[in-house]
């Protein structure tokens, strides 16, 4: 009486085990499936932060313009002794500006008569003249006072291709200039001194440290008066 039920229980257990072992797919399906691991997102690379721009507001054609944004058609922008910047369409307008020192006007006109048709004649006496194109052509930015000029403030960063400087009054205005290419850390800024009296007609002919040339690389222009 006791053996028959016990034998039946053992037989049932053996049969169930055989079914589980014989059906591999059923046993495997019962195991939990691992969730796929999502790829780790890489942190975005930070872009170099450009130097802050303090836009120069200039007088042009009876209105104020932001040179850092646009010259609005002007061809010449000149720094004047009182610190203001005036912009013009033509050389004649720039020389006729009452804010331009009379001696500068006189020396510039005198040189123009002596060197007819020379493209450098459009550079005002005692001014550093910065040109957007080679051979003293294109838009022109003129500086006379000491100090570093952030060209981005004038809408001229990385746009310089030629420079000219001639001195009308040697005892007052003889000096040098330095051009700078500002680079992101850990790279060092590049610089080159410009010693007058002469011009630099094409920055493509000026070797750049490490290779290449200086064309369209200048960020800061420093005037150094003696």
N, C-alpha and C. Protein backbone atom coordinates (compact mmCIF):
# COMPACT_ATOMS: atom_id res chain seq x y z
N UNK A 1 0.84 -1.21 0.00
CA UNK A 1 0.00 0.00 0.00
C UNK A 1 0.87 1.25 0.00
N UNK A 2 1.96 1.20 0.70
CA UNK A 2 2.82 2.38 0.78
C UNK A 2 3.74 2.46 -0.42
N UNK A 3 4.25 1.34 -0.90
CA UNK A 3 5.25 1.33 -1.98
C UNK A 3 4.68 1.86 -3.29
N UNK A 4 3.39 1.56 -3.58
CA UNK A 4 2.84 1.95 -4.87
C UNK A 4 2.79 3.49 -5.02
N UNK A 5 2.24 4.20 -4.08
CA UNK A 5 2.25 5.67 -4.24
C UNK A 5 3.65 6.24 -4.28
N UNK A 6 4.58 5.71 -3.49
CA UNK A 6 5.96 6.22 -3.50
C UNK A 6 6.61 5.99 -4.84
N UNK A 7 6.37 4.83 -5.41
CA UNK A 7 6.94 4.52 -6.73
C UNK A 7 6.36 5.43 -7.78
N UNK A 8 5.05 5.71 -7.64
CA UNK A 8 4.41 6.58 -8.62
C UNK A 8 4.98 8.00 -8.52
N UNK A 9 5.25 8.51 -7.31
CA UNK A 9 5.82 9.84 -7.13
C UNK A 9 7.21 9.95 -7.70
N UNK A 10 8.00 8.90 -7.49
CA UNK A 10 9.37 8.89 -8.04
C UNK A 10 9.34 8.89 -9.54
N UNK A 11 8.40 8.11 -10.12
CA UNK A 11 8.31 8.04 -11.58
C UNK A 11 7.91 9.39 -12.16
N UNK A 12 6.99 10.10 -11.49
CA UNK A 12 6.55 11.40 -11.99
C UNK A 12 7.68 12.42 -11.94
N UNK A 13 8.43 12.38 -10.87
CA UNK A 13 9.55 13.32 -10.75
C UNK A 13 10.60 13.07 -11.81
N UNK A 14 10.88 11.76 -12.07
CA UNK A 14 11.89 11.40 -13.08
C UNK A 14 11.45 11.85 -14.46
N UNK A 15 10.17 11.68 -14.77
CA UNK A 15 9.64 12.05 -16.09
C UNK A 15 9.73 13.56 -16.30
N UNK A 16 9.40 14.36 -15.26
CA UNK A 16 9.47 15.83 -15.37
C UNK A 16 10.89 16.30 -15.60
N UNK A 17 11.84 15.67 -14.90
CA UNK A 17 13.25 16.04 -15.08
C UNK A 17 13.72 15.74 -16.48
N UNK A 18 13.27 14.59 -17.01
CA UNK A 18 13.68 14.21 -18.36
C UNK A 18 13.16 15.22 -19.37
N UNK A 19 11.91 15.70 -19.17
CA UNK A 19 11.35 16.66 -20.11
C UNK A 19 12.12 17.97 -20.10
N UNK A 20 12.50 18.46 -18.90
CA UNK A 20 13.26 19.71 -18.81
C UNK A 20 14.62 19.59 -19.43
N UNK A 21 15.29 18.49 -19.21
CA UNK A 21 16.63 18.29 -19.76
C UNK A 21 16.58 18.09 -21.25
N UNK A 22 15.52 17.47 -21.73
CA UNK A 22 15.45 17.17 -23.16
C UNK A 22 15.02 18.36 -23.97
N UNK A 23 14.53 19.37 -23.36
CA UNK A 23 14.08 20.56 -24.10
C UNK A 23 14.95 21.74 -23.72
N UNK A 24 16.09 21.82 -24.38
CA UNK A 24 17.07 22.88 -24.06
C UNK A 24 16.51 24.27 -24.28
N UNK A 25 15.68 24.43 -25.33
CA UNK A 25 15.17 25.75 -25.62
C UNK A 25 14.25 26.25 -24.52
N UNK A 26 13.47 25.36 -23.92
CA UNK A 26 12.59 25.76 -22.84
C UNK A 26 13.38 26.18 -21.62
N UNK A 27 14.42 25.43 -21.29
CA UNK A 27 15.24 25.75 -20.13
C UNK A 27 15.94 27.09 -20.33
N UNK A 28 16.44 27.33 -21.55
CA UNK A 28 17.17 28.56 -21.84
C UNK A 28 16.23 29.77 -21.81
N UNK A 29 15.04 29.58 -22.31
CA UNK A 29 14.09 30.69 -22.34
C UNK A 29 13.72 31.15 -20.95
N UNK A 30 13.85 30.26 -19.99
CA UNK A 30 13.49 30.63 -18.62
C UNK A 30 14.51 31.55 -17.98
N UNK A 31 15.76 31.61 -18.53
CA UNK A 31 16.80 32.44 -17.95
C UNK A 31 16.53 33.91 -18.30
N UNK A 32 16.82 34.86 -17.42
CA UNK A 32 16.59 36.29 -17.72
C UNK A 32 17.55 36.79 -18.79
N UNK A 33 17.04 37.59 -19.72
CA UNK A 33 17.84 38.14 -20.80
C UNK A 33 18.46 39.46 -20.36
N UNK A 34 19.77 39.61 -20.55
CA UNK A 34 20.47 40.83 -20.14
C UNK A 34 20.07 41.99 -21.04
N UNK A 35 19.83 43.15 -20.44
CA UNK A 35 19.49 44.34 -21.21
C UNK A 35 20.74 44.84 -21.95
N UNK A 36 20.60 45.27 -23.23
CA UNK A 36 21.77 45.78 -23.96
C UNK A 36 22.31 47.05 -23.30
N UNK A 37 23.62 47.16 -23.27
CA UNK A 37 24.26 48.31 -22.64
C UNK A 37 24.33 49.46 -23.62
N UNK A 38 23.81 50.60 -23.25
CA UNK A 38 23.83 51.77 -24.14
C UNK A 38 25.25 52.30 -24.23
N UNK A 39 25.70 52.74 -25.46
CA UNK A 39 27.06 53.29 -25.60
C UNK A 39 27.22 54.55 -24.77
N UNK A 40 28.37 54.69 -24.18
CA UNK A 40 28.65 55.86 -23.35
C UNK A 40 28.85 57.08 -24.23
N UNK A 41 28.09 58.12 -23.96
CA UNK A 41 28.21 59.35 -24.76
C UNK A 41 29.47 60.09 -24.39
N UNK A 42 30.23 60.54 -25.42
CA UNK A 42 31.45 61.29 -25.16
C UNK A 42 31.12 62.74 -24.88
N UNK A 43 31.88 63.33 -23.98
CA UNK A 43 31.67 64.73 -23.67
C UNK A 43 32.04 65.58 -24.89
N UNK A 44 31.24 66.57 -25.24
CA UNK A 44 31.58 67.42 -26.39
C UNK A 44 32.86 68.19 -26.14
N UNK A 45 33.64 68.38 -27.20
CA UNK A 45 34.88 69.13 -27.10
C UNK A 45 34.58 70.61 -27.10
N UNK A 46 35.09 71.30 -26.12
CA UNK A 46 34.82 72.73 -26.01
C UNK A 46 35.52 73.49 -27.13
N UNK A 47 34.79 74.41 -27.76
CA UNK A 47 35.39 75.25 -28.78
C UNK A 47 36.22 76.34 -28.12
N UNK A 48 37.33 76.75 -28.75
CA UNK A 48 38.11 77.84 -28.18
C UNK A 48 37.26 79.09 -28.04
N UNK A 49 37.38 79.77 -26.93
CA UNK A 49 36.62 80.99 -26.72
C UNK A 49 37.34 82.16 -27.36
N UNK A 50 36.70 82.86 -28.30
CA UNK A 50 37.37 83.99 -28.94
C UNK A 50 37.59 85.12 -27.96
N UNK A 51 38.56 85.97 -28.26
CA UNK A 51 38.83 87.12 -27.41
C UNK A 51 37.58 88.00 -27.37
N UNK A 52 37.30 88.59 -26.23
CA UNK A 52 36.13 89.47 -26.15
C UNK A 52 36.28 90.66 -27.08
N UNK A 53 35.20 91.07 -27.69
CA UNK A 53 35.23 92.18 -28.62
C UNK A 53 34.56 93.39 -27.99
N UNK A 54 35.27 94.51 -27.98
CA UNK A 54 34.72 95.78 -27.53
C UNK A 54 34.54 96.65 -28.77
N UNK A 55 33.39 96.57 -29.39
CA UNK A 55 33.22 97.20 -30.70
C UNK A 55 33.51 98.69 -30.70
N UNK A 56 34.19 99.12 -31.74
CA UNK A 56 34.47 100.54 -31.93
C UNK A 56 33.29 101.15 -32.68
N UNK A 57 32.75 102.21 -32.13
CA UNK A 57 31.65 102.93 -32.76
C UNK A 57 32.24 104.13 -33.49
N UNK A 58 32.05 104.17 -34.80
CA UNK A 58 32.66 105.22 -35.62
C UNK A 58 31.60 106.13 -36.22
N UNK A 59 32.04 107.33 -36.59
CA UNK A 59 31.18 108.28 -37.31
C UNK A 59 31.36 108.06 -38.81
N UNK A 60 30.23 107.86 -39.50
CA UNK A 60 30.31 107.64 -40.95
C UNK A 60 29.04 108.17 -41.61
N UNK A 61 29.24 109.08 -42.53
CA UNK A 61 28.13 109.59 -43.34
C UNK A 61 26.99 110.12 -42.47
N UNK A 62 27.35 110.81 -41.38
CA UNK A 62 26.35 111.42 -40.52
C UNK A 62 25.66 110.48 -39.55
N UNK A 63 26.19 109.26 -39.38
CA UNK A 63 25.57 108.32 -38.44
C UNK A 63 26.66 107.52 -37.73
N UNK A 64 26.25 106.80 -36.69
CA UNK A 64 27.17 105.95 -35.94
C UNK A 64 27.09 104.52 -36.49
N UNK A 65 28.27 103.89 -36.64
CA UNK A 65 28.29 102.50 -37.10
C UNK A 65 29.19 101.67 -36.18
N UNK A 66 28.84 100.41 -36.04
CA UNK A 66 29.61 99.46 -35.23
C UNK A 66 30.59 98.74 -36.15
N UNK A 67 31.85 99.09 -36.06
CA UNK A 67 32.84 98.54 -36.98
C UNK A 67 33.03 97.03 -36.80
N UNK A 68 32.83 96.54 -35.57
CA UNK A 68 33.00 95.11 -35.33
C UNK A 68 31.96 94.29 -36.10
N UNK A 69 30.82 94.91 -36.39
CA UNK A 69 29.77 94.22 -37.13
C UNK A 69 29.86 94.47 -38.63
N UNK A 70 30.06 95.73 -39.02
CA UNK A 70 30.10 96.06 -40.44
C UNK A 70 30.63 97.48 -40.64
N UNK A 71 31.36 97.67 -41.74
CA UNK A 71 31.79 99.01 -42.11
C UNK A 71 30.70 99.74 -42.90
N UNK A 72 29.66 99.05 -43.27
CA UNK A 72 28.50 99.62 -43.97
C UNK A 72 28.88 100.42 -45.21
N UNK A 73 29.84 99.91 -45.96
CA UNK A 73 30.21 100.54 -47.22
C UNK A 73 31.39 101.48 -47.16
N UNK A 74 31.85 101.82 -45.96
CA UNK A 74 33.00 102.73 -45.84
C UNK A 74 34.26 102.06 -46.38
N UNK A 75 35.19 102.86 -46.90
CA UNK A 75 36.44 102.34 -47.44
C UNK A 75 37.65 102.66 -46.57
N UNK A 76 37.54 103.72 -45.76
CA UNK A 76 38.66 104.17 -44.92
C UNK A 76 38.12 104.49 -43.53
N UNK A 77 38.80 104.01 -42.51
CA UNK A 77 38.46 104.39 -41.13
C UNK A 77 39.74 104.83 -40.44
N UNK A 78 39.68 106.00 -39.82
CA UNK A 78 40.89 106.61 -39.27
C UNK A 78 40.70 107.00 -37.81
N UNK A 79 41.70 106.65 -37.02
CA UNK A 79 41.74 107.05 -35.61
C UNK A 79 42.26 108.48 -35.54
N UNK A 80 41.52 109.35 -34.84
CA UNK A 80 41.87 110.76 -34.76
C UNK A 80 42.49 111.09 -33.40
N UNK A 81 43.17 112.23 -33.27
CA UNK A 81 43.87 112.56 -32.02
C UNK A 81 42.98 112.58 -30.79
N UNK A 82 41.69 112.89 -30.94
CA UNK A 82 40.81 112.94 -29.78
C UNK A 82 40.26 111.57 -29.39
N UNK A 83 40.72 110.53 -30.12
CA UNK A 83 40.29 109.17 -29.80
C UNK A 83 39.11 108.67 -30.61
N UNK A 84 38.41 109.59 -31.27
CA UNK A 84 37.29 109.17 -32.11
C UNK A 84 37.78 108.50 -33.38
N UNK A 85 36.91 107.71 -33.98
CA UNK A 85 37.21 107.08 -35.27
C UNK A 85 36.18 107.58 -36.28
N UNK A 86 36.68 108.12 -37.39
CA UNK A 86 35.82 108.58 -38.47
C UNK A 86 36.06 107.71 -39.70
N UNK A 87 35.01 107.45 -40.43
CA UNK A 87 35.11 106.63 -41.65
C UNK A 87 34.67 107.44 -42.87
N UNK A 88 35.22 107.06 -44.03
CA UNK A 88 35.00 107.84 -45.25
C UNK A 88 34.85 106.91 -46.45
N UNK A 89 34.37 107.52 -47.53
CA UNK A 89 34.28 106.79 -48.79
C UNK A 89 35.52 106.99 -49.65
N UNK A 90 36.15 108.17 -49.57
CA UNK A 90 37.28 108.49 -50.44
C UNK A 90 38.44 109.10 -49.65
N UNK A 91 39.62 109.12 -50.30
CA UNK A 91 40.80 109.75 -49.69
C UNK A 91 40.57 111.25 -49.50
N UNK A 92 39.91 111.87 -50.48
CA UNK A 92 39.65 113.31 -50.41
C UNK A 92 38.82 113.64 -49.17
N UNK A 93 37.82 112.83 -48.88
CA UNK A 93 36.99 113.06 -47.70
C UNK A 93 37.82 112.92 -46.41
N UNK A 94 38.71 111.93 -46.39
CA UNK A 94 39.51 111.71 -45.18
C UNK A 94 40.45 112.87 -44.92
N UNK A 95 41.04 113.44 -45.97
CA UNK A 95 41.96 114.56 -45.80
C UNK A 95 41.23 115.87 -45.51
N UNK A 96 39.97 115.97 -45.91
CA UNK A 96 39.21 117.19 -45.68
C UNK A 96 38.57 117.24 -44.30
N UNK A 97 38.66 116.16 -43.54
CA UNK A 97 38.05 116.12 -42.21
C UNK A 97 38.70 117.17 -41.31
N UNK A 98 37.94 118.11 -40.76
CA UNK A 98 38.51 119.15 -39.90
C UNK A 98 39.20 118.58 -38.66
N UNK A 99 38.82 117.35 -38.26
CA UNK A 99 39.43 116.75 -37.06
C UNK A 99 40.84 116.23 -37.33
N UNK A 100 41.23 116.14 -38.60
CA UNK A 100 42.59 115.69 -38.94
C UNK A 100 43.56 116.84 -38.71
N UNK A 101 44.68 116.60 -38.01
CA UNK A 101 45.65 117.69 -37.78
C UNK A 101 46.10 118.32 -39.09
N UNK A 102 46.20 119.65 -39.10
CA UNK A 102 46.56 120.38 -40.32
C UNK A 102 47.93 119.96 -40.84
N UNK A 103 48.86 119.67 -39.93
CA UNK A 103 50.20 119.27 -40.37
C UNK A 103 50.17 117.92 -41.09
N UNK A 104 49.33 117.01 -40.62
CA UNK A 104 49.19 115.72 -41.29
C UNK A 104 48.64 115.91 -42.70
N UNK A 105 47.64 116.75 -42.82
CA UNK A 105 47.04 117.03 -44.14
C UNK A 105 48.08 117.64 -45.08
N UNK A 106 48.84 118.61 -44.57
CA UNK A 106 49.85 119.29 -45.39
C UNK A 106 50.92 118.33 -45.89
N UNK A 107 51.46 117.50 -44.99
CA UNK A 107 52.51 116.56 -45.37
C UNK A 107 51.99 115.50 -46.34
N UNK A 108 50.76 115.07 -46.15
CA UNK A 108 50.18 114.05 -47.02
C UNK A 108 50.00 114.59 -48.44
N UNK A 109 49.47 115.79 -48.56
CA UNK A 109 49.26 116.39 -49.88
C UNK A 109 50.59 116.68 -50.57
N UNK A 110 51.59 117.07 -49.79
CA UNK A 110 52.92 117.34 -50.36
C UNK A 110 53.50 116.06 -50.95
N UNK A 111 53.38 114.95 -50.22
CA UNK A 111 53.91 113.68 -50.71
C UNK A 111 53.16 113.21 -51.95
N UNK A 112 51.87 113.46 -52.00
CA UNK A 112 51.08 113.04 -53.16
C UNK A 112 51.54 113.74 -54.43
N UNK A 113 51.96 114.97 -54.30
CA UNK A 113 52.45 115.70 -55.47
C UNK A 113 53.80 115.17 -55.94
N UNK A 114 54.62 114.73 -55.00
CA UNK A 114 55.95 114.25 -55.34
C UNK A 114 55.92 112.84 -55.94
N UNK A 115 54.94 112.04 -55.53
CA UNK A 115 54.88 110.64 -55.98
C UNK A 115 53.52 110.37 -56.62
N UNK A 116 53.31 110.93 -57.76
CA UNK A 116 52.02 110.78 -58.43
C UNK A 116 51.76 109.31 -58.76
N UNK A 117 50.52 108.90 -58.53
CA UNK A 117 50.04 107.55 -58.88
C UNK A 117 50.65 106.44 -58.03
N UNK A 118 51.42 106.78 -57.01
CA UNK A 118 51.94 105.75 -56.12
C UNK A 118 50.82 105.33 -55.16
N UNK A 119 50.49 104.03 -55.07
CA UNK A 119 49.38 103.62 -54.21
C UNK A 119 49.58 103.96 -52.74
N UNK A 120 50.84 104.20 -52.33
CA UNK A 120 51.09 104.55 -50.93
C UNK A 120 50.68 105.97 -50.60
N UNK A 121 50.39 106.78 -51.63
CA UNK A 121 50.00 108.17 -51.39
C UNK A 121 48.72 108.29 -50.58
N UNK A 122 47.92 107.23 -50.58
CA UNK A 122 46.66 107.33 -49.84
C UNK A 122 46.85 107.14 -48.34
N UNK A 123 48.06 106.83 -47.89
CA UNK A 123 48.34 106.69 -46.47
C UNK A 123 48.66 108.06 -45.88
N UNK A 124 47.94 108.43 -44.83
CA UNK A 124 48.14 109.74 -44.21
C UNK A 124 49.50 109.80 -43.51
N UNK A 125 50.11 110.95 -43.56
CA UNK A 125 51.42 111.15 -42.92
C UNK A 125 51.34 110.87 -41.43
N UNK A 126 52.37 110.20 -40.90
CA UNK A 126 52.48 109.88 -39.48
C UNK A 126 51.46 108.85 -39.01
N UNK A 127 50.82 108.18 -39.93
CA UNK A 127 49.85 107.14 -39.59
C UNK A 127 50.36 105.77 -40.05
N UNK A 128 50.03 104.76 -39.28
CA UNK A 128 50.18 103.39 -39.73
C UNK A 128 48.93 103.03 -40.51
N UNK A 129 49.10 102.64 -41.75
CA UNK A 129 47.97 102.33 -42.62
C UNK A 129 47.90 100.82 -42.85
N UNK A 130 46.78 100.23 -42.46
CA UNK A 130 46.56 98.79 -42.56
C UNK A 130 45.58 98.52 -43.70
N UNK A 131 45.97 97.65 -44.63
CA UNK A 131 45.14 97.40 -45.82
C UNK A 131 44.62 95.96 -45.83
N UNK A 132 43.39 95.84 -46.30
CA UNK A 132 42.79 94.51 -46.36
C UNK A 132 43.38 93.67 -47.49
N UNK A 133 43.86 94.32 -48.54
CA UNK A 133 44.43 93.60 -49.68
C UNK A 133 45.92 93.89 -49.83
N UNK A 134 46.58 93.07 -50.60
CA UNK A 134 48.02 93.25 -50.86
C UNK A 134 48.25 94.51 -51.70
N UNK A 135 49.50 94.98 -51.67
CA UNK A 135 49.93 96.13 -52.47
C UNK A 135 49.17 97.41 -52.13
N UNK A 136 48.85 97.56 -50.84
CA UNK A 136 48.24 98.78 -50.31
C UNK A 136 46.90 99.10 -50.97
N UNK A 137 46.09 98.09 -51.09
CA UNK A 137 44.77 98.26 -51.72
C UNK A 137 43.67 97.71 -50.81
N UNK A 138 42.44 97.99 -51.18
CA UNK A 138 41.31 97.51 -50.40
C UNK A 138 40.99 98.45 -49.24
N UNK A 139 40.13 98.02 -48.37
CA UNK A 139 39.75 98.84 -47.22
C UNK A 139 40.98 99.19 -46.38
N UNK A 140 40.95 100.38 -45.78
CA UNK A 140 42.13 100.86 -45.04
C UNK A 140 41.73 101.32 -43.65
N UNK A 141 42.53 100.87 -42.68
CA UNK A 141 42.36 101.27 -41.28
C UNK A 141 43.62 102.00 -40.84
N UNK A 142 43.49 103.20 -40.26
CA UNK A 142 44.65 104.03 -39.94
C UNK A 142 44.75 104.28 -38.43
N UNK A 143 45.97 104.08 -37.90
CA UNK A 143 46.23 104.32 -36.48
C UNK A 143 47.36 105.33 -36.32
N UNK A 144 47.28 106.12 -35.24
CA UNK A 144 48.39 107.04 -34.94
C UNK A 144 48.83 106.95 -33.49
N UNK A 145 47.93 106.63 -32.57
CA UNK A 145 48.29 106.64 -31.15
C UNK A 145 48.96 105.34 -30.72
N UNK A 146 49.71 105.44 -29.62
CA UNK A 146 50.39 104.28 -29.04
C UNK A 146 49.38 103.23 -28.58
N UNK A 147 49.91 102.00 -28.43
CA UNK A 147 49.13 100.96 -27.77
C UNK A 147 48.71 99.83 -28.67
N UNK A 148 48.15 98.78 -28.03
CA UNK A 148 47.67 97.61 -28.75
C UNK A 148 46.24 97.84 -29.23
N UNK A 149 46.03 97.54 -30.49
CA UNK A 149 44.70 97.68 -31.09
C UNK A 149 44.18 96.27 -31.41
N UNK A 150 43.10 95.90 -30.74
CA UNK A 150 42.47 94.61 -31.03
C UNK A 150 41.69 94.77 -32.33
N UNK A 151 42.18 94.16 -33.39
CA UNK A 151 41.57 94.39 -34.70
C UNK A 151 40.14 93.87 -34.80
N UNK A 152 39.78 92.92 -33.94
CA UNK A 152 38.40 92.45 -33.93
C UNK A 152 37.43 93.56 -33.57
N UNK A 153 37.87 94.53 -32.75
CA UNK A 153 37.02 95.66 -32.37
C UNK A 153 36.71 96.54 -33.57
N UNK A 154 37.59 96.48 -34.58
CA UNK A 154 37.44 97.32 -35.78
C UNK A 154 36.92 96.53 -36.98
N UNK A 155 36.56 95.26 -36.77
CA UNK A 155 36.11 94.44 -37.89
C UNK A 155 37.23 94.08 -38.83
N UNK A 156 38.47 94.01 -38.31
CA UNK A 156 39.64 93.80 -39.18
C UNK A 156 40.47 92.59 -38.76
N UNK A 157 39.96 91.79 -37.86
CA UNK A 157 40.73 90.64 -37.39
C UNK A 157 40.90 89.61 -38.50
N UNK A 158 42.13 89.11 -38.66
CA UNK A 158 42.45 88.11 -39.68
C UNK A 158 42.12 88.60 -41.09
N UNK A 159 42.28 89.90 -41.31
CA UNK A 159 41.99 90.47 -42.64
C UNK A 159 43.13 91.33 -43.17
N UNK A 160 44.26 91.34 -42.47
CA UNK A 160 45.35 92.26 -42.83
C UNK A 160 46.29 91.61 -43.84
N UNK A 161 46.54 92.34 -44.96
CA UNK A 161 47.39 91.79 -46.02
C UNK A 161 48.57 92.69 -46.38
N UNK A 162 48.53 93.98 -46.01
CA UNK A 162 49.67 94.85 -46.27
C UNK A 162 49.61 96.05 -45.31
N UNK A 163 50.78 96.64 -45.07
CA UNK A 163 50.90 97.77 -44.12
C UNK A 163 51.89 98.78 -44.68
N UNK A 164 51.58 100.06 -44.49
CA UNK A 164 52.53 101.10 -44.87
C UNK A 164 52.58 102.17 -43.79
N UNK A 165 53.79 102.71 -43.62
CA UNK A 165 53.97 103.80 -42.65
C UNK A 165 55.08 104.71 -43.14
N UNK A 166 54.75 105.99 -43.25
CA UNK A 166 55.80 106.95 -43.55
C UNK A 166 55.66 108.13 -42.60
N UNK A 167 56.78 108.72 -42.26
CA UNK A 167 56.82 109.71 -41.19
C UNK A 167 56.99 111.10 -41.78
N UNK A 168 56.04 111.98 -41.45
CA UNK A 168 56.14 113.36 -41.89
C UNK A 168 56.94 114.20 -40.91
N UNK A 169 56.87 113.85 -39.64
CA UNK A 169 57.57 114.59 -38.59
C UNK A 169 58.39 113.59 -37.77
N UNK A 170 59.63 113.38 -38.17
CA UNK A 170 60.47 112.35 -37.57
C UNK A 170 60.67 112.54 -36.07
N UNK A 171 60.86 113.77 -35.65
CA UNK A 171 61.16 114.00 -34.23
C UNK A 171 59.99 113.61 -33.32
N UNK A 172 58.78 113.59 -33.87
CA UNK A 172 57.61 113.28 -33.06
C UNK A 172 57.13 111.84 -33.21
N UNK A 173 57.22 111.30 -34.40
CA UNK A 173 56.47 110.10 -34.71
C UNK A 173 57.28 108.88 -35.15
N UNK A 174 58.59 108.95 -35.08
CA UNK A 174 59.33 107.77 -35.47
C UNK A 174 59.12 106.67 -34.43
N UNK A 175 58.88 105.48 -34.88
CA UNK A 175 58.66 104.36 -33.97
C UNK A 175 58.51 103.06 -34.74
N UNK A 176 58.06 102.06 -34.06
CA UNK A 176 57.88 100.75 -34.69
C UNK A 176 56.46 100.25 -34.39
N UNK A 177 56.18 99.07 -34.94
CA UNK A 177 54.89 98.42 -34.65
C UNK A 177 55.15 96.93 -34.50
N UNK A 178 54.24 96.24 -33.84
CA UNK A 178 54.32 94.79 -33.70
C UNK A 178 52.96 94.20 -34.08
N UNK A 179 53.01 93.15 -34.87
CA UNK A 179 51.78 92.43 -35.22
C UNK A 179 51.73 91.15 -34.39
N UNK A 180 50.53 90.79 -33.96
CA UNK A 180 50.35 89.63 -33.09
C UNK A 180 49.29 88.69 -33.67
N UNK A 181 49.56 87.41 -33.55
CA UNK A 181 48.55 86.39 -33.83
C UNK A 181 48.24 85.72 -32.49
N UNK A 182 47.06 85.99 -31.95
CA UNK A 182 46.68 85.43 -30.64
C UNK A 182 46.22 84.00 -30.83
N UNK A 183 46.80 83.08 -30.06
CA UNK A 183 46.46 81.67 -30.22
C UNK A 183 46.00 81.10 -28.88
N UNK A 184 45.17 80.04 -28.95
CA UNK A 184 44.60 79.45 -27.75
C UNK A 184 45.66 78.66 -26.98
N UNK A 185 45.56 78.71 -25.63
CA UNK A 185 46.46 77.93 -24.78
C UNK A 185 46.32 76.45 -25.14
N UNK A 186 47.41 75.67 -25.17
CA UNK A 186 48.76 75.99 -24.68
C UNK A 186 49.70 76.55 -25.75
N UNK A 187 49.18 76.93 -26.91
CA UNK A 187 50.03 77.49 -27.95
C UNK A 187 50.41 78.93 -27.60
N UNK A 188 51.63 79.29 -27.96
CA UNK A 188 52.10 80.64 -27.69
C UNK A 188 51.68 81.59 -28.81
N UNK A 189 51.39 82.85 -28.43
CA UNK A 189 51.08 83.86 -29.44
C UNK A 189 52.30 84.07 -30.33
N UNK A 190 52.04 84.43 -31.57
CA UNK A 190 53.12 84.74 -32.52
C UNK A 190 53.20 86.25 -32.68
N UNK A 191 54.39 86.76 -32.87
CA UNK A 191 54.55 88.19 -33.06
C UNK A 191 55.69 88.49 -34.03
N UNK A 192 55.61 89.69 -34.63
CA UNK A 192 56.68 90.13 -35.52
C UNK A 192 56.73 91.66 -35.48
N UNK A 193 57.93 92.18 -35.40
CA UNK A 193 58.11 93.63 -35.35
C UNK A 193 58.20 94.19 -36.76
N UNK A 194 57.57 95.35 -36.95
CA UNK A 194 57.65 96.08 -38.23
C UNK A 194 58.43 97.36 -37.99
N UNK A 195 59.56 97.49 -38.67
CA UNK A 195 60.44 98.65 -38.45
C UNK A 195 60.43 99.52 -39.71
N UNK A 196 59.94 100.75 -39.64
CA UNK A 196 59.96 101.65 -40.80
C UNK A 196 61.36 102.20 -41.01
N UNK A 197 61.61 102.98 -42.07
CA UNK A 197 60.61 103.57 -42.94
C UNK A 197 60.45 102.80 -44.26
N UNK A 198 59.48 102.02 -44.35
CA UNK A 198 59.10 101.40 -45.63
C UNK A 198 57.78 100.68 -45.41
N UNK A 199 57.31 100.01 -46.46
CA UNK A 199 56.04 99.30 -46.34
C UNK A 199 56.23 97.79 -46.45
N UNK A 200 55.17 97.10 -46.18
CA UNK A 200 55.12 95.64 -46.28
C UNK A 200 53.97 95.35 -47.24
N UNK A 201 54.32 95.20 -48.51
CA UNK A 201 53.31 95.20 -49.57
C UNK A 201 52.48 93.93 -49.65
N UNK A 202 53.02 92.84 -49.15
CA UNK A 202 52.29 91.58 -49.26
C UNK A 202 52.68 90.66 -48.11
N UNK A 203 51.74 90.45 -47.19
CA UNK A 203 52.05 89.60 -46.04
C UNK A 203 52.26 88.14 -46.42
N UNK A 204 51.91 87.76 -47.63
CA UNK A 204 52.19 86.39 -48.08
C UNK A 204 53.69 86.17 -48.24
N UNK A 205 54.44 87.26 -48.34
CA UNK A 205 55.90 87.17 -48.47
C UNK A 205 56.61 87.25 -47.13
N UNK A 206 55.85 87.30 -46.05
CA UNK A 206 56.44 87.37 -44.71
C UNK A 206 56.28 86.01 -44.03
N UNK A 207 57.42 85.38 -43.72
CA UNK A 207 57.40 84.04 -43.13
C UNK A 207 56.75 84.05 -41.75
N UNK A 208 55.93 83.04 -41.51
CA UNK A 208 55.25 82.87 -40.22
C UNK A 208 55.97 81.80 -39.42
N UNK A 209 56.20 82.01 -38.12
CA UNK A 209 56.91 81.01 -37.31
C UNK A 209 56.22 79.65 -37.38
N UNK A 210 56.99 78.63 -37.73
CA UNK A 210 56.43 77.29 -37.84
C UNK A 210 55.94 76.93 -39.23
N UNK A 211 55.98 77.89 -40.17
CA UNK A 211 55.55 77.61 -41.54
C UNK A 211 54.40 78.49 -41.98
N UNK A 212 54.29 78.68 -43.27
CA UNK A 212 53.24 79.53 -43.82
C UNK A 212 53.64 80.99 -43.83
N UNK A 213 52.66 81.88 -43.90
CA UNK A 213 52.93 83.31 -43.96
C UNK A 213 51.95 84.07 -43.07
N UNK A 214 52.12 85.37 -43.02
CA UNK A 214 51.34 86.20 -42.10
C UNK A 214 50.03 86.70 -42.69
N UNK A 215 49.73 86.39 -43.92
CA UNK A 215 48.54 86.92 -44.55
C UNK A 215 47.27 86.48 -43.82
N UNK A 216 46.42 87.45 -43.49
CA UNK A 216 45.13 87.19 -42.82
C UNK A 216 45.28 86.43 -41.50
N UNK A 217 46.33 86.74 -40.75
CA UNK A 217 46.53 86.08 -39.46
C UNK A 217 46.65 87.06 -38.28
N UNK A 218 46.67 88.35 -38.55
CA UNK A 218 46.94 89.33 -37.49
C UNK A 218 45.67 89.64 -36.69
N UNK A 219 45.79 89.50 -35.37
CA UNK A 219 44.67 89.78 -34.47
C UNK A 219 44.85 91.11 -33.74
N UNK A 220 46.11 91.45 -33.44
CA UNK A 220 46.40 92.67 -32.67
C UNK A 220 47.51 93.43 -33.37
N UNK A 221 47.32 94.77 -33.47
CA UNK A 221 48.35 95.63 -34.05
C UNK A 221 48.77 96.61 -32.97
N UNK A 222 50.07 96.59 -32.64
CA UNK A 222 50.59 97.45 -31.58
C UNK A 222 51.46 98.56 -32.15
N UNK A 223 51.11 99.79 -31.84
CA UNK A 223 51.90 100.96 -32.26
C UNK A 223 52.83 101.36 -31.12
N UNK A 224 54.10 101.54 -31.43
CA UNK A 224 55.09 101.92 -30.42
C UNK A 224 55.79 103.20 -30.87
N UNK A 225 55.45 104.30 -30.25
CA UNK A 225 56.11 105.58 -30.56
C UNK A 225 57.36 105.74 -29.72
N UNK A 226 58.39 106.31 -30.30
CA UNK A 226 59.61 106.58 -29.56
C UNK A 226 59.48 107.89 -28.78
